[in-house]
Amino acid sequence: MKTRQPAFPSRLNPSLRAAGGLLLCAAMLSACSSAPVRFYTLGAPAVAVGAQGTGTTAITDSTPVIEVERTRLPDYLDSQDIMVRNGHEIERSGLGRWASRLSVGATDLITARLAQKWPDLFVTDQPQPDRPTWRLQLNISRLDVSRNGQSALNADWAIIPQDPRAAILRNRTSIVMNGNTANNANIASVTENLLNELTSRIETSWPNPTQPEATSPRHHGHS
């Protein structure tokens, strides 16, 4: 003989549906009230790369070309996450992101700043069909933007001339600066200031950019 099951489920269904509806509404309201993720770039307002003005400038065979290779960064920094150091701890921003990977943004900024300094040269971060007059290889081994307001950058770079027989120029530097890092906008500003100072030091270390032969000394029979 079959035992008749009690009808509790049928009586509880309306209550369960009501509770589920309330939970769904609460979740939707919570999602709507949470702050949106903000995206940050390096270089605000946007930095125009290349010649000044709105005209077209021809790039001829005699135009010196500087090819800026993609900047190398420590693995834990090379993402879209905005990071800040707090002692031995690395904090990841919950509501802030870089608009692109930090290595890409840093390369774009350095390329743009060099192009501003040398408007008569073709400075690019894109691979060229011919060997460029110079290549810039940049390695940033430390980029610490810290909660305590003191931030630091360590970097080394190589300026590689077109002539494979010419000497490669190598340099390194350490930069320390103070700046407010209370929020993501300030962190982005401090990061940009560090990279701007790095660009200035790279420019200072460069040979005369309008005379490519200056980086191509002749060998005198030394092995």
N, C-alpha and C. Protein backbone atom coordinates (compact mmCIF):
# COMPACT_ATOMS: atom_id res chain seq x y z
N MET A 1 0.85 -1.19 0.00
CA MET A 1 0.00 0.00 0.00
C MET A 1 0.89 1.24 0.00
N LYS A 2 0.65 2.14 -0.89
CA LYS A 2 1.46 3.35 -1.01
C LYS A 2 1.11 4.34 0.09
N THR A 3 2.15 4.95 0.64
CA THR A 3 1.94 5.97 1.68
C THR A 3 1.86 7.32 1.02
N ARG A 4 0.88 8.06 1.37
CA ARG A 4 0.69 9.39 0.78
C ARG A 4 1.68 10.37 1.39
N GLN A 5 2.41 11.09 0.55
CA GLN A 5 3.39 12.05 1.03
C GLN A 5 2.70 13.33 1.47
N PRO A 6 3.18 13.94 2.55
CA PRO A 6 2.58 15.19 2.99
C PRO A 6 2.78 16.28 1.94
N ALA A 7 1.91 17.23 1.93
CA ALA A 7 1.89 18.27 0.90
C ALA A 7 2.67 19.50 1.31
N PHE A 8 3.75 19.31 2.10
CA PHE A 8 4.51 20.49 2.53
C PHE A 8 5.10 21.27 1.37
N PRO A 9 5.71 20.59 0.38
CA PRO A 9 6.33 21.35 -0.70
C PRO A 9 5.38 22.31 -1.39
N SER A 10 4.16 21.86 -1.63
CA SER A 10 3.22 22.73 -2.34
C SER A 10 2.86 23.95 -1.51
N ARG A 11 2.83 23.76 -0.14
CA ARG A 11 2.49 24.91 0.67
C ARG A 11 3.70 25.84 0.85
N LEU A 12 4.94 25.27 0.75
CA LEU A 12 6.11 26.10 0.95
C LEU A 12 6.56 26.81 -0.32
N ASN A 13 6.17 26.31 -1.47
CA ASN A 13 6.65 26.89 -2.73
C ASN A 13 6.42 28.39 -2.83
N PRO A 14 5.25 28.91 -2.53
CA PRO A 14 5.05 30.36 -2.63
C PRO A 14 6.01 31.12 -1.74
N SER A 15 6.26 30.61 -0.52
CA SER A 15 7.18 31.30 0.39
C SER A 15 8.61 31.27 -0.14
N LEU A 16 8.99 30.09 -0.67
CA LEU A 16 10.33 29.98 -1.22
C LEU A 16 10.51 30.89 -2.42
N ARG A 17 9.47 30.96 -3.26
CA ARG A 17 9.57 31.84 -4.43
C ARG A 17 9.70 33.29 -3.99
N ALA A 18 8.96 33.68 -2.97
CA ALA A 18 9.02 35.05 -2.49
C ALA A 18 10.39 35.38 -1.92
N ALA A 19 10.93 34.42 -1.13
CA ALA A 19 12.26 34.64 -0.55
C ALA A 19 13.32 34.73 -1.65
N GLY A 20 13.20 33.84 -2.64
CA GLY A 20 14.15 33.89 -3.74
C GLY A 20 14.08 35.20 -4.49
N GLY A 21 12.87 35.71 -4.68
CA GLY A 21 12.72 37.00 -5.35
C GLY A 21 13.35 38.12 -4.57
N LEU A 22 13.20 38.09 -3.23
CA LEU A 22 13.81 39.12 -2.40
C LEU A 22 15.33 39.08 -2.47
N LEU A 23 15.89 37.84 -2.45
CA LEU A 23 17.34 37.71 -2.55
C LEU A 23 17.86 38.22 -3.89
N LEU A 24 17.14 37.91 -4.96
CA LEU A 24 17.54 38.38 -6.28
C LEU A 24 17.52 39.89 -6.36
N CYS A 25 16.46 40.49 -5.81
CA CYS A 25 16.36 41.96 -5.82
C CYS A 25 17.49 42.58 -5.01
N ALA A 26 17.81 41.96 -3.87
CA ALA A 26 18.89 42.49 -3.04
C ALA A 26 20.22 42.41 -3.77
N ALA A 27 20.46 41.31 -4.47
CA ALA A 27 21.70 41.16 -5.22
C ALA A 27 21.80 42.19 -6.34
N MET A 28 20.66 42.43 -7.02
CA MET A 28 20.67 43.41 -8.11
C MET A 28 20.91 44.81 -7.57
N LEU A 29 20.29 45.14 -6.43
CA LEU A 29 20.49 46.46 -5.84
C LEU A 29 21.93 46.64 -5.39
N SER A 30 22.51 45.57 -4.83
CA SER A 30 23.91 45.63 -4.39
C SER A 30 24.84 45.86 -5.58
N ALA A 31 24.56 45.17 -6.70
CA ALA A 31 25.39 45.33 -7.89
C ALA A 31 25.27 46.74 -8.45
N CYS A 32 24.06 47.28 -8.41
CA CYS A 32 23.85 48.62 -8.95
C CYS A 32 24.52 49.68 -8.07
N SER A 33 24.58 49.43 -6.75
CA SER A 33 25.13 50.43 -5.85
C SER A 33 26.64 50.37 -5.73
N SER A 34 27.30 49.27 -6.20
CA SER A 34 28.74 49.16 -6.09
C SER A 34 29.41 50.11 -7.08
N ALA A 35 30.60 50.60 -6.70
CA ALA A 35 31.31 51.56 -7.54
C ALA A 35 31.85 50.86 -8.79
N PRO A 36 31.83 51.54 -9.93
CA PRO A 36 32.34 50.93 -11.17
C PRO A 36 33.86 50.89 -11.17
N VAL A 37 34.42 49.97 -11.93
CA VAL A 37 35.86 49.90 -12.12
C VAL A 37 36.31 51.06 -13.01
N ARG A 38 37.37 51.75 -12.61
CA ARG A 38 37.90 52.87 -13.39
C ARG A 38 39.22 52.45 -14.06
N PHE A 39 39.42 52.95 -15.28
CA PHE A 39 40.61 52.60 -16.05
C PHE A 39 41.50 53.83 -16.19
N TYR A 40 42.80 53.62 -16.05
CA TYR A 40 43.76 54.72 -16.04
C TYR A 40 44.82 54.52 -17.12
N THR A 41 45.26 55.63 -17.70
CA THR A 41 46.33 55.62 -18.69
C THR A 41 47.51 56.41 -18.16
N LEU A 42 48.66 56.21 -18.77
CA LEU A 42 49.84 57.00 -18.47
C LEU A 42 49.95 58.08 -19.54
N GLY A 43 49.88 59.34 -19.09
CA GLY A 43 49.93 60.44 -20.05
C GLY A 43 48.55 61.04 -20.21
N ALA A 44 48.20 61.99 -19.35
CA ALA A 44 46.89 62.63 -19.43
C ALA A 44 47.12 64.14 -19.35
N PRO A 45 46.64 64.94 -20.32
CA PRO A 45 45.91 64.45 -21.49
C PRO A 45 46.79 63.61 -22.42
N ALA A 46 46.15 62.95 -23.36
CA ALA A 46 46.86 62.02 -24.25
C ALA A 46 48.03 62.72 -24.93
N VAL A 47 49.12 62.00 -25.04
CA VAL A 47 50.34 62.54 -25.64
C VAL A 47 50.36 62.20 -27.12
N ALA A 48 50.48 63.20 -27.95
CA ALA A 48 50.55 62.97 -29.39
C ALA A 48 51.97 62.60 -29.77
N VAL A 49 52.12 61.54 -30.55
CA VAL A 49 53.43 61.06 -30.97
C VAL A 49 53.74 61.60 -32.36
N GLY A 50 54.95 62.11 -32.54
CA GLY A 50 55.37 62.52 -33.88
C GLY A 50 55.46 64.02 -34.03
N ALA A 51 55.38 64.48 -35.27
CA ALA A 51 55.55 65.90 -35.56
C ALA A 51 54.43 66.72 -34.97
N GLN A 52 54.75 67.97 -34.64
CA GLN A 52 53.76 68.88 -34.08
C GLN A 52 52.86 69.40 -35.19
N GLY A 53 51.66 69.81 -34.79
CA GLY A 53 50.72 70.34 -35.76
C GLY A 53 49.87 69.25 -36.39
N THR A 54 49.04 69.67 -37.34
CA THR A 54 48.11 68.75 -37.97
C THR A 54 48.53 68.37 -39.39
N GLY A 55 49.66 68.87 -39.83
CA GLY A 55 50.12 68.56 -41.18
C GLY A 55 50.75 67.18 -41.26
N THR A 56 51.17 66.82 -42.46
CA THR A 56 51.81 65.54 -42.71
C THR A 56 53.30 65.77 -42.92
N THR A 57 54.12 65.00 -42.22
CA THR A 57 55.57 65.12 -42.34
C THR A 57 56.11 63.86 -42.99
N ALA A 58 56.84 64.04 -44.08
CA ALA A 58 57.40 62.91 -44.81
C ALA A 58 58.56 62.31 -44.04
N ILE A 59 58.63 60.99 -44.02
CA ILE A 59 59.76 60.27 -43.44
C ILE A 59 60.58 59.74 -44.60
N THR A 60 61.77 60.26 -44.75
CA THR A 60 62.62 59.90 -45.89
C THR A 60 63.70 58.92 -45.44
N ASP A 61 64.51 58.47 -46.41
CA ASP A 61 65.61 57.56 -46.09
C ASP A 61 66.64 58.20 -45.18
N SER A 62 66.67 59.53 -45.16
CA SER A 62 67.66 60.24 -44.33
C SER A 62 67.12 60.56 -42.93
N THR A 63 65.85 60.28 -42.66
CA THR A 63 65.28 60.56 -41.35
C THR A 63 65.78 59.52 -40.34
N PRO A 64 66.48 59.94 -39.29
CA PRO A 64 66.90 58.97 -38.28
C PRO A 64 65.69 58.31 -37.62
N VAL A 65 65.79 57.01 -37.40
CA VAL A 65 64.69 56.23 -36.83
C VAL A 65 65.12 55.63 -35.49
N ILE A 66 64.31 55.84 -34.48
CA ILE A 66 64.54 55.22 -33.17
C ILE A 66 63.40 54.25 -32.92
N GLU A 67 63.74 52.99 -32.77
CA GLU A 67 62.73 51.97 -32.49
C GLU A 67 62.81 51.60 -31.00
N VAL A 68 61.73 51.87 -30.29
CA VAL A 68 61.66 51.59 -28.86
C VAL A 68 61.02 50.21 -28.66
N GLU A 69 61.80 49.28 -28.15
CA GLU A 69 61.25 47.95 -27.91
C GLU A 69 60.37 47.96 -26.66
N ARG A 70 59.53 46.95 -26.55
CA ARG A 70 58.61 46.87 -25.42
C ARG A 70 59.38 46.79 -24.11
N THR A 71 58.99 47.62 -23.17
CA THR A 71 59.66 47.69 -21.87
C THR A 71 59.47 46.39 -21.09
N ARG A 72 60.54 45.93 -20.47
CA ARG A 72 60.46 44.73 -19.63
C ARG A 72 60.22 45.16 -18.18
N LEU A 73 59.28 44.46 -17.53
CA LEU A 73 58.92 44.74 -16.15
C LEU A 73 58.91 43.45 -15.35
N PRO A 74 59.01 43.52 -14.02
CA PRO A 74 58.82 42.32 -13.20
C PRO A 74 57.45 41.70 -13.47
N ASP A 75 57.37 40.38 -13.45
CA ASP A 75 56.13 39.68 -13.80
C ASP A 75 54.93 40.15 -12.99
N TYR A 76 55.13 40.38 -11.70
CA TYR A 76 53.98 40.70 -10.85
C TYR A 76 53.41 42.09 -11.14
N LEU A 77 54.17 42.91 -11.86
CA LEU A 77 53.68 44.24 -12.22
C LEU A 77 53.09 44.30 -13.62
N ASP A 78 53.50 43.37 -14.48
CA ASP A 78 53.13 43.48 -15.89
C ASP A 78 51.74 42.90 -16.15
N SER A 79 50.73 43.66 -15.74
CA SER A 79 49.33 43.29 -15.96
C SER A 79 48.53 44.58 -16.00
N GLN A 80 47.21 44.46 -16.01
CA GLN A 80 46.36 45.65 -15.94
C GLN A 80 46.03 46.04 -14.51
N ASP A 81 46.47 45.25 -13.54
CA ASP A 81 46.19 45.56 -12.14
C ASP A 81 47.05 46.73 -11.68
N ILE A 82 46.43 47.65 -10.96
CA ILE A 82 47.17 48.75 -10.33
C ILE A 82 47.65 48.26 -8.97
N MET A 83 48.97 48.29 -8.79
CA MET A 83 49.59 47.76 -7.58
C MET A 83 50.23 48.89 -6.78
N VAL A 84 50.22 48.73 -5.46
CA VAL A 84 50.91 49.66 -4.59
C VAL A 84 51.59 48.86 -3.49
N ARG A 85 52.81 49.25 -3.13
CA ARG A 85 53.55 48.54 -2.09
C ARG A 85 53.21 49.11 -0.72
N ASN A 86 52.98 48.20 0.22
CA ASN A 86 52.76 48.58 1.62
C ASN A 86 53.70 47.73 2.47
N GLY A 87 54.93 48.23 2.64
CA GLY A 87 55.94 47.43 3.32
C GLY A 87 56.34 46.25 2.45
N HIS A 88 56.22 45.03 3.00
CA HIS A 88 56.53 43.82 2.24
C HIS A 88 55.32 43.33 1.43
N GLU A 89 54.19 43.98 1.59
CA GLU A 89 52.96 43.53 0.94
C GLU A 89 52.70 44.32 -0.33
N ILE A 90 52.22 43.62 -1.36
CA ILE A 90 51.80 44.27 -2.60
C ILE A 90 50.28 44.26 -2.63
N GLU A 91 49.67 45.45 -2.65
CA GLU A 91 48.22 45.57 -2.64
C GLU A 91 47.70 45.78 -4.05
N ARG A 92 46.68 45.06 -4.38
CA ARG A 92 46.04 45.17 -5.70
C ARG A 92 44.76 45.98 -5.57
N SER A 93 44.61 46.99 -6.41
CA SER A 93 43.42 47.83 -6.36
C SER A 93 42.19 47.02 -6.76
N GLY A 94 41.10 47.19 -6.01
CA GLY A 94 39.87 46.48 -6.33
C GLY A 94 39.04 47.18 -7.39
N LEU A 95 39.20 48.50 -7.53
CA LEU A 95 38.35 49.25 -8.45
C LEU A 95 39.15 50.05 -9.48
N GLY A 96 40.44 49.82 -9.57
CA GLY A 96 41.26 50.53 -10.54
C GLY A 96 42.04 49.58 -11.42
N ARG A 97 42.12 49.88 -12.70
CA ARG A 97 42.88 49.08 -13.65
C ARG A 97 43.61 50.02 -14.62
N TRP A 98 44.77 49.55 -15.09
CA TRP A 98 45.40 50.23 -16.21
C TRP A 98 44.60 49.92 -17.48
N ALA A 99 44.59 50.85 -18.41
CA ALA A 99 43.84 50.64 -19.65
C ALA A 99 44.48 49.56 -20.52
N SER A 100 45.76 49.30 -20.32
CA SER A 100 46.47 48.22 -21.02
C SER A 100 47.50 47.65 -20.06
N ARG A 101 48.17 46.60 -20.44
CA ARG A 101 49.24 46.06 -19.60
C ARG A 101 50.25 47.17 -19.31
N LEU A 102 50.80 47.16 -18.12
CA LEU A 102 51.68 48.25 -17.71
C LEU A 102 52.89 48.37 -18.63
N SER A 103 53.43 47.24 -19.10
CA SER A 103 54.59 47.31 -20.00
C SER A 103 54.23 48.03 -21.30
N VAL A 104 53.01 47.83 -21.79
CA VAL A 104 52.56 48.50 -23.02
C VAL A 104 52.37 49.99 -22.76
N GLY A 105 51.72 50.33 -21.65
CA GLY A 105 51.50 51.73 -21.32
C GLY A 105 52.80 52.48 -21.10
N ALA A 106 53.77 51.84 -20.41
CA ALA A 106 55.06 52.48 -20.17
C ALA A 106 55.80 52.71 -21.49
N THR A 107 55.77 51.73 -22.37
CA THR A 107 56.43 51.87 -23.68
C THR A 107 55.80 52.99 -24.49
N ASP A 108 54.48 53.05 -24.49
CA ASP A 108 53.79 54.12 -25.22
C ASP A 108 54.19 55.49 -24.69
N LEU A 109 54.24 55.63 -23.36
CA LEU A 109 54.57 56.93 -22.78
C LEU A 109 56.00 57.33 -23.10
N ILE A 110 56.96 56.42 -22.93
CA ILE A 110 58.36 56.74 -23.19
C ILE A 110 58.56 57.08 -24.67
N THR A 111 57.92 56.33 -25.54
CA THR A 111 58.01 56.61 -26.99
C THR A 111 57.48 58.00 -27.29
N ALA A 112 56.33 58.33 -26.70
CA ALA A 112 55.71 59.64 -26.96
C ALA A 112 56.58 60.78 -26.43
N ARG A 113 57.15 60.60 -25.25
CA ARG A 113 57.99 61.66 -24.68
C ARG A 113 59.25 61.88 -25.51
N LEU A 114 59.87 60.80 -25.97
CA LEU A 114 61.06 60.95 -26.82
C LEU A 114 60.70 61.61 -28.15
N ALA A 115 59.54 61.27 -28.69
CA ALA A 115 59.10 61.89 -29.94
C ALA A 115 58.86 63.38 -29.76
N GLN A 116 58.36 63.76 -28.58
CA GLN A 116 58.18 65.19 -28.30
C GLN A 116 59.52 65.91 -28.23
N LYS A 117 60.52 65.26 -27.64
CA LYS A 117 61.83 65.89 -27.48
C LYS A 117 62.57 66.00 -28.81
N TRP A 118 62.34 65.03 -29.69
CA TRP A 118 63.04 64.99 -30.98
C TRP A 118 62.03 64.96 -32.12
N PRO A 119 61.38 66.08 -32.42
CA PRO A 119 60.34 66.08 -33.46
C PRO A 119 60.87 65.84 -34.86
N ASP A 120 62.19 66.01 -35.09
CA ASP A 120 62.75 65.79 -36.42
C ASP A 120 63.15 64.35 -36.65
N LEU A 121 62.98 63.49 -35.64
CA LEU A 121 63.29 62.07 -35.77
C LEU A 121 61.99 61.27 -35.85
N PHE A 122 62.09 60.06 -36.33
CA PHE A 122 60.94 59.16 -36.34
C PHE A 122 61.12 58.20 -35.16
N VAL A 123 60.39 58.45 -34.09
CA VAL A 123 60.46 57.61 -32.89
C VAL A 123 59.20 56.75 -32.86
N THR A 124 59.39 55.44 -32.80
CA THR A 124 58.25 54.53 -32.90
C THR A 124 58.45 53.33 -32.00
N ASP A 125 57.36 52.73 -31.57
CA ASP A 125 57.45 51.48 -30.81
C ASP A 125 56.97 50.30 -31.65
N GLN A 126 56.87 50.51 -32.95
CA GLN A 126 56.46 49.45 -33.88
C GLN A 126 57.66 48.93 -34.66
N PRO A 127 57.73 47.62 -34.91
CA PRO A 127 58.84 47.07 -35.69
C PRO A 127 58.88 47.69 -37.08
N GLN A 128 60.12 47.94 -37.55
CA GLN A 128 60.31 48.60 -38.83
C GLN A 128 60.81 47.61 -39.88
N PRO A 129 60.48 47.86 -41.17
CA PRO A 129 60.92 46.93 -42.23
C PRO A 129 62.43 46.93 -42.43
N ASP A 130 63.08 48.08 -42.14
CA ASP A 130 64.53 48.18 -42.28
C ASP A 130 65.15 48.34 -40.89
N ARG A 131 66.43 48.08 -40.80
CA ARG A 131 67.14 48.25 -39.53
C ARG A 131 67.09 49.71 -39.12
N PRO A 132 66.60 50.02 -37.91
CA PRO A 132 66.50 51.43 -37.49
C PRO A 132 67.88 52.02 -37.19
N THR A 133 67.93 53.33 -37.13
CA THR A 133 69.18 54.00 -36.79
C THR A 133 69.64 53.59 -35.40
N TRP A 134 68.68 53.52 -34.47
CA TRP A 134 68.96 53.02 -33.12
C TRP A 134 67.79 52.19 -32.64
N ARG A 135 68.08 51.25 -31.76
CA ARG A 135 67.05 50.54 -31.01
C ARG A 135 67.27 50.81 -29.53
N LEU A 136 66.17 50.98 -28.82
CA LEU A 136 66.24 51.17 -27.38
C LEU A 136 65.66 49.95 -26.69
N GLN A 137 66.48 49.26 -25.91
CA GLN A 137 66.03 48.15 -25.08
C GLN A 137 66.03 48.64 -23.63
N LEU A 138 64.88 48.52 -22.97
CA LEU A 138 64.72 49.06 -21.62
C LEU A 138 64.22 47.98 -20.68
N ASN A 139 64.90 47.86 -19.55
CA ASN A 139 64.51 46.91 -18.51
C ASN A 139 64.28 47.67 -17.21
N ILE A 140 63.05 47.63 -16.71
CA ILE A 140 62.73 48.23 -15.42
C ILE A 140 62.68 47.09 -14.40
N SER A 141 63.67 47.04 -13.55
CA SER A 141 63.75 45.94 -12.58
C SER A 141 62.98 46.22 -11.30
N ARG A 142 62.68 47.48 -11.05
CA ARG A 142 61.92 47.85 -9.85
C ARG A 142 61.04 49.05 -10.16
N LEU A 143 59.78 48.96 -9.80
CA LEU A 143 58.85 50.07 -9.93
C LEU A 143 57.89 50.00 -8.75
N ASP A 144 58.33 50.57 -7.63
CA ASP A 144 57.58 50.51 -6.39
C ASP A 144 56.93 51.84 -6.10
N VAL A 145 55.62 51.89 -6.21
CA VAL A 145 54.84 53.04 -5.77
C VAL A 145 54.29 52.66 -4.41
N SER A 146 54.68 53.39 -3.36
CA SER A 146 54.48 52.93 -1.99
C SER A 146 53.44 53.76 -1.24
N ARG A 147 52.78 53.10 -0.30
CA ARG A 147 51.79 53.76 0.54
C ARG A 147 52.39 54.87 1.38
N ASN A 148 53.67 54.72 1.74
CA ASN A 148 54.28 55.73 2.61
C ASN A 148 54.66 57.01 1.86
N GLY A 149 54.40 57.05 0.56
CA GLY A 149 54.64 58.26 -0.23
C GLY A 149 56.00 58.33 -0.88
N GLN A 150 56.89 57.38 -0.57
CA GLN A 150 58.21 57.37 -1.21
C GLN A 150 58.25 56.24 -2.23
N SER A 151 58.44 56.60 -3.48
CA SER A 151 58.39 55.62 -4.56
C SER A 151 59.74 55.57 -5.26
N ALA A 152 60.01 54.41 -5.91
CA ALA A 152 61.33 54.22 -6.49
C ALA A 152 61.25 53.44 -7.79
N LEU A 153 62.21 53.70 -8.66
CA LEU A 153 62.32 52.99 -9.94
C LEU A 153 63.79 52.71 -10.20
N ASN A 154 64.11 51.46 -10.55
CA ASN A 154 65.44 51.07 -11.01
C ASN A 154 65.34 50.57 -12.44
N ALA A 155 66.24 51.01 -13.29
CA ALA A 155 66.17 50.61 -14.70
C ALA A 155 67.56 50.58 -15.32
N ASP A 156 67.69 49.80 -16.36
CA ASP A 156 68.89 49.82 -17.21
C ASP A 156 68.43 49.77 -18.66
N TRP A 157 69.23 50.32 -19.53
CA TRP A 157 68.84 50.34 -20.95
C TRP A 157 70.07 50.25 -21.84
N ALA A 158 69.81 49.85 -23.08
CA ALA A 158 70.85 49.74 -24.09
C ALA A 158 70.41 50.51 -25.33
N ILE A 159 71.32 51.33 -25.84
CA ILE A 159 71.11 52.05 -27.09
C ILE A 159 71.93 51.33 -28.16
N ILE A 160 71.24 50.67 -29.08
CA ILE A 160 71.89 49.79 -30.05
C ILE A 160 71.94 50.49 -31.40
N PRO A 161 73.12 50.81 -31.92
CA PRO A 161 73.22 51.52 -33.19
C PRO A 161 72.97 50.60 -34.38
N GLN A 162 72.73 51.22 -35.50
CA GLN A 162 72.46 50.48 -36.74
C GLN A 162 73.66 49.66 -37.18
N ASP A 163 74.83 50.23 -37.03
CA ASP A 163 76.06 49.55 -37.44
C ASP A 163 76.39 48.46 -36.42
N PRO A 164 76.38 47.19 -36.82
CA PRO A 164 76.65 46.11 -35.87
C PRO A 164 78.08 46.13 -35.33
N ARG A 165 78.98 46.88 -35.99
CA ARG A 165 80.36 46.97 -35.52
C ARG A 165 80.53 48.05 -34.46
N ALA A 166 79.53 48.92 -34.31
CA ALA A 166 79.63 50.03 -33.36
C ALA A 166 79.31 49.57 -31.95
N ALA A 167 79.80 50.32 -30.98
CA ALA A 167 79.60 49.96 -29.58
C ALA A 167 78.15 50.19 -29.16
N ILE A 168 77.64 49.27 -28.35
CA ILE A 168 76.33 49.43 -27.74
C ILE A 168 76.49 50.26 -26.47
N LEU A 169 75.68 51.29 -26.33
CA LEU A 169 75.76 52.17 -25.16
C LEU A 169 74.80 51.67 -24.09
N ARG A 170 75.35 51.40 -22.90
CA ARG A 170 74.54 50.86 -21.80
C ARG A 170 74.57 51.83 -20.62
N ASN A 171 73.41 51.95 -19.99
CA ASN A 171 73.29 52.83 -18.84
C ASN A 171 72.31 52.22 -17.83
N ARG A 172 72.40 52.69 -16.60
CA ARG A 172 71.42 52.30 -15.58
C ARG A 172 71.22 53.46 -14.63
N THR A 173 70.08 53.44 -13.95
CA THR A 173 69.75 54.55 -13.07
C THR A 173 68.81 54.10 -11.97
N SER A 174 68.78 54.88 -10.89
CA SER A 174 67.83 54.69 -9.79
C SER A 174 67.15 56.03 -9.54
N ILE A 175 65.85 55.99 -9.40
CA ILE A 175 65.06 57.21 -9.20
C ILE A 175 64.21 57.04 -7.95
N VAL A 176 64.25 58.03 -7.08
CA VAL A 176 63.40 58.05 -5.88
C VAL A 176 62.67 59.38 -5.85
N MET A 177 61.38 59.34 -5.61
CA MET A 177 60.61 60.58 -5.49
C MET A 177 59.45 60.39 -4.52
N ASN A 178 59.01 61.51 -3.98
CA ASN A 178 57.89 61.51 -3.05
C ASN A 178 56.62 61.95 -3.77
N GLY A 179 55.49 61.39 -3.36
CA GLY A 179 54.21 61.76 -3.97
C GLY A 179 53.05 61.08 -3.27
N ASN A 180 51.93 61.74 -3.26
CA ASN A 180 50.73 61.21 -2.62
C ASN A 180 50.25 59.97 -3.38
N THR A 181 50.02 58.88 -2.65
CA THR A 181 49.53 57.63 -3.26
C THR A 181 48.25 57.16 -2.59
N ALA A 182 47.43 58.12 -2.17
CA ALA A 182 46.24 57.78 -1.39
C ALA A 182 45.16 57.11 -2.22
N ASN A 183 45.15 57.34 -3.54
CA ASN A 183 44.12 56.73 -4.38
C ASN A 183 44.72 56.35 -5.73
N ASN A 184 43.90 55.72 -6.56
CA ASN A 184 44.39 55.22 -7.85
C ASN A 184 44.87 56.34 -8.77
N ALA A 185 44.16 57.46 -8.77
CA ALA A 185 44.58 58.58 -9.62
C ALA A 185 45.96 59.08 -9.22
N ASN A 186 46.22 59.14 -7.92
CA ASN A 186 47.53 59.57 -7.45
C ASN A 186 48.61 58.55 -7.78
N ILE A 187 48.26 57.27 -7.65
CA ILE A 187 49.22 56.21 -8.00
C ILE A 187 49.60 56.31 -9.47
N ALA A 188 48.61 56.54 -10.33
CA ALA A 188 48.88 56.69 -11.77
C ALA A 188 49.78 57.91 -12.02
N SER A 189 49.53 58.99 -11.29
CA SER A 189 50.33 60.21 -11.47
C SER A 189 51.77 59.99 -11.03
N VAL A 190 51.98 59.33 -9.90
CA VAL A 190 53.34 59.05 -9.43
C VAL A 190 54.06 58.12 -10.41
N THR A 191 53.37 57.10 -10.89
CA THR A 191 53.97 56.19 -11.87
C THR A 191 54.40 56.95 -13.12
N GLU A 192 53.55 57.83 -13.58
CA GLU A 192 53.87 58.63 -14.77
C GLU A 192 55.08 59.53 -14.51
N ASN A 193 55.14 60.15 -13.33
CA ASN A 193 56.26 61.03 -13.01
C ASN A 193 57.58 60.25 -12.99
N LEU A 194 57.56 59.03 -12.43
CA LEU A 194 58.76 58.20 -12.43
C LEU A 194 59.22 57.89 -13.85
N LEU A 195 58.26 57.55 -14.72
CA LEU A 195 58.60 57.22 -16.11
C LEU A 195 59.05 58.45 -16.89
N ASN A 196 58.48 59.61 -16.59
CA ASN A 196 58.93 60.84 -17.24
C ASN A 196 60.37 61.15 -16.88
N GLU A 197 60.71 60.98 -15.59
CA GLU A 197 62.09 61.23 -15.17
C GLU A 197 63.04 60.21 -15.82
N LEU A 198 62.59 58.97 -15.92
CA LEU A 198 63.40 57.96 -16.59
C LEU A 198 63.64 58.35 -18.05
N THR A 199 62.61 58.83 -18.73
CA THR A 199 62.75 59.24 -20.12
C THR A 199 63.77 60.37 -20.26
N SER A 200 63.74 61.32 -19.33
CA SER A 200 64.70 62.43 -19.37
C SER A 200 66.13 61.92 -19.23
N ARG A 201 66.32 60.91 -18.39
CA ARG A 201 67.67 60.37 -18.20
C ARG A 201 68.12 59.56 -19.43
N ILE A 202 67.17 58.88 -20.06
CA ILE A 202 67.50 58.18 -21.30
C ILE A 202 67.92 59.18 -22.37
N GLU A 203 67.17 60.28 -22.48
CA GLU A 203 67.49 61.30 -23.47
C GLU A 203 68.89 61.88 -23.22
N THR A 204 69.20 62.15 -21.95
CA THR A 204 70.51 62.73 -21.62
C THR A 204 71.65 61.79 -22.00
N SER A 205 71.41 60.47 -21.91
CA SER A 205 72.46 59.50 -22.21
C SER A 205 72.64 59.25 -23.70
N TRP A 206 71.73 59.79 -24.52
CA TRP A 206 71.75 59.47 -25.95
C TRP A 206 72.84 60.25 -26.66
N PRO A 207 73.48 59.65 -27.67
CA PRO A 207 74.40 60.42 -28.51
C PRO A 207 73.61 61.41 -29.37
N ASN A 208 74.32 62.25 -30.10
CA ASN A 208 73.65 63.25 -30.92
C ASN A 208 72.68 62.56 -31.89
N PRO A 209 71.35 62.72 -31.68
CA PRO A 209 70.40 61.97 -32.51
C PRO A 209 70.34 62.41 -33.96
N THR A 210 70.88 63.59 -34.27
CA THR A 210 70.85 64.05 -35.67
C THR A 210 72.10 63.65 -36.43
N GLN A 211 73.03 62.96 -35.76
CA GLN A 211 74.26 62.52 -36.42
C GLN A 211 74.48 61.04 -36.15
N PRO A 212 73.82 60.17 -36.91
CA PRO A 212 73.95 58.73 -36.68
C PRO A 212 75.38 58.23 -36.74
N GLU A 213 76.24 58.90 -37.54
CA GLU A 213 77.61 58.42 -37.66
C GLU A 213 78.38 58.57 -36.35
N ALA A 214 77.87 59.38 -35.43
CA ALA A 214 78.56 59.57 -34.17
C ALA A 214 78.55 58.30 -33.34
N THR A 215 77.60 57.40 -33.60
CA THR A 215 77.52 56.15 -32.84
C THR A 215 78.20 55.01 -33.59
N SER A 216 78.85 55.32 -34.71
CA SER A 216 79.43 54.25 -35.52
C SER A 216 80.92 54.49 -35.73
N PRO A 217 81.71 54.48 -34.66
CA PRO A 217 83.15 54.73 -34.81
C PRO A 217 83.82 53.64 -35.62
N ARG A 218 84.84 54.02 -36.36
CA ARG A 218 85.57 53.04 -37.16
C ARG A 218 86.49 52.22 -36.27
N HIS A 219 86.64 50.96 -36.60
CA HIS A 219 87.57 50.12 -35.87
C HIS A 219 88.97 50.34 -36.40
N HIS A 220 89.94 50.18 -35.49
CA HIS A 220 91.33 50.43 -35.90
C HIS A 220 92.18 49.17 -35.76
N GLY A 221 91.59 48.03 -36.12
CA GLY A 221 92.34 46.81 -36.15
C GLY A 221 92.42 46.08 -34.83
N HIS A 222 91.70 46.55 -33.79
CA HIS A 222 91.71 45.86 -32.50
C HIS A 222 90.82 44.64 -32.58
N SER A 223 91.22 43.55 -31.93
CA SER A 223 90.43 42.32 -31.94
C SER A 223 89.36 42.39 -30.87
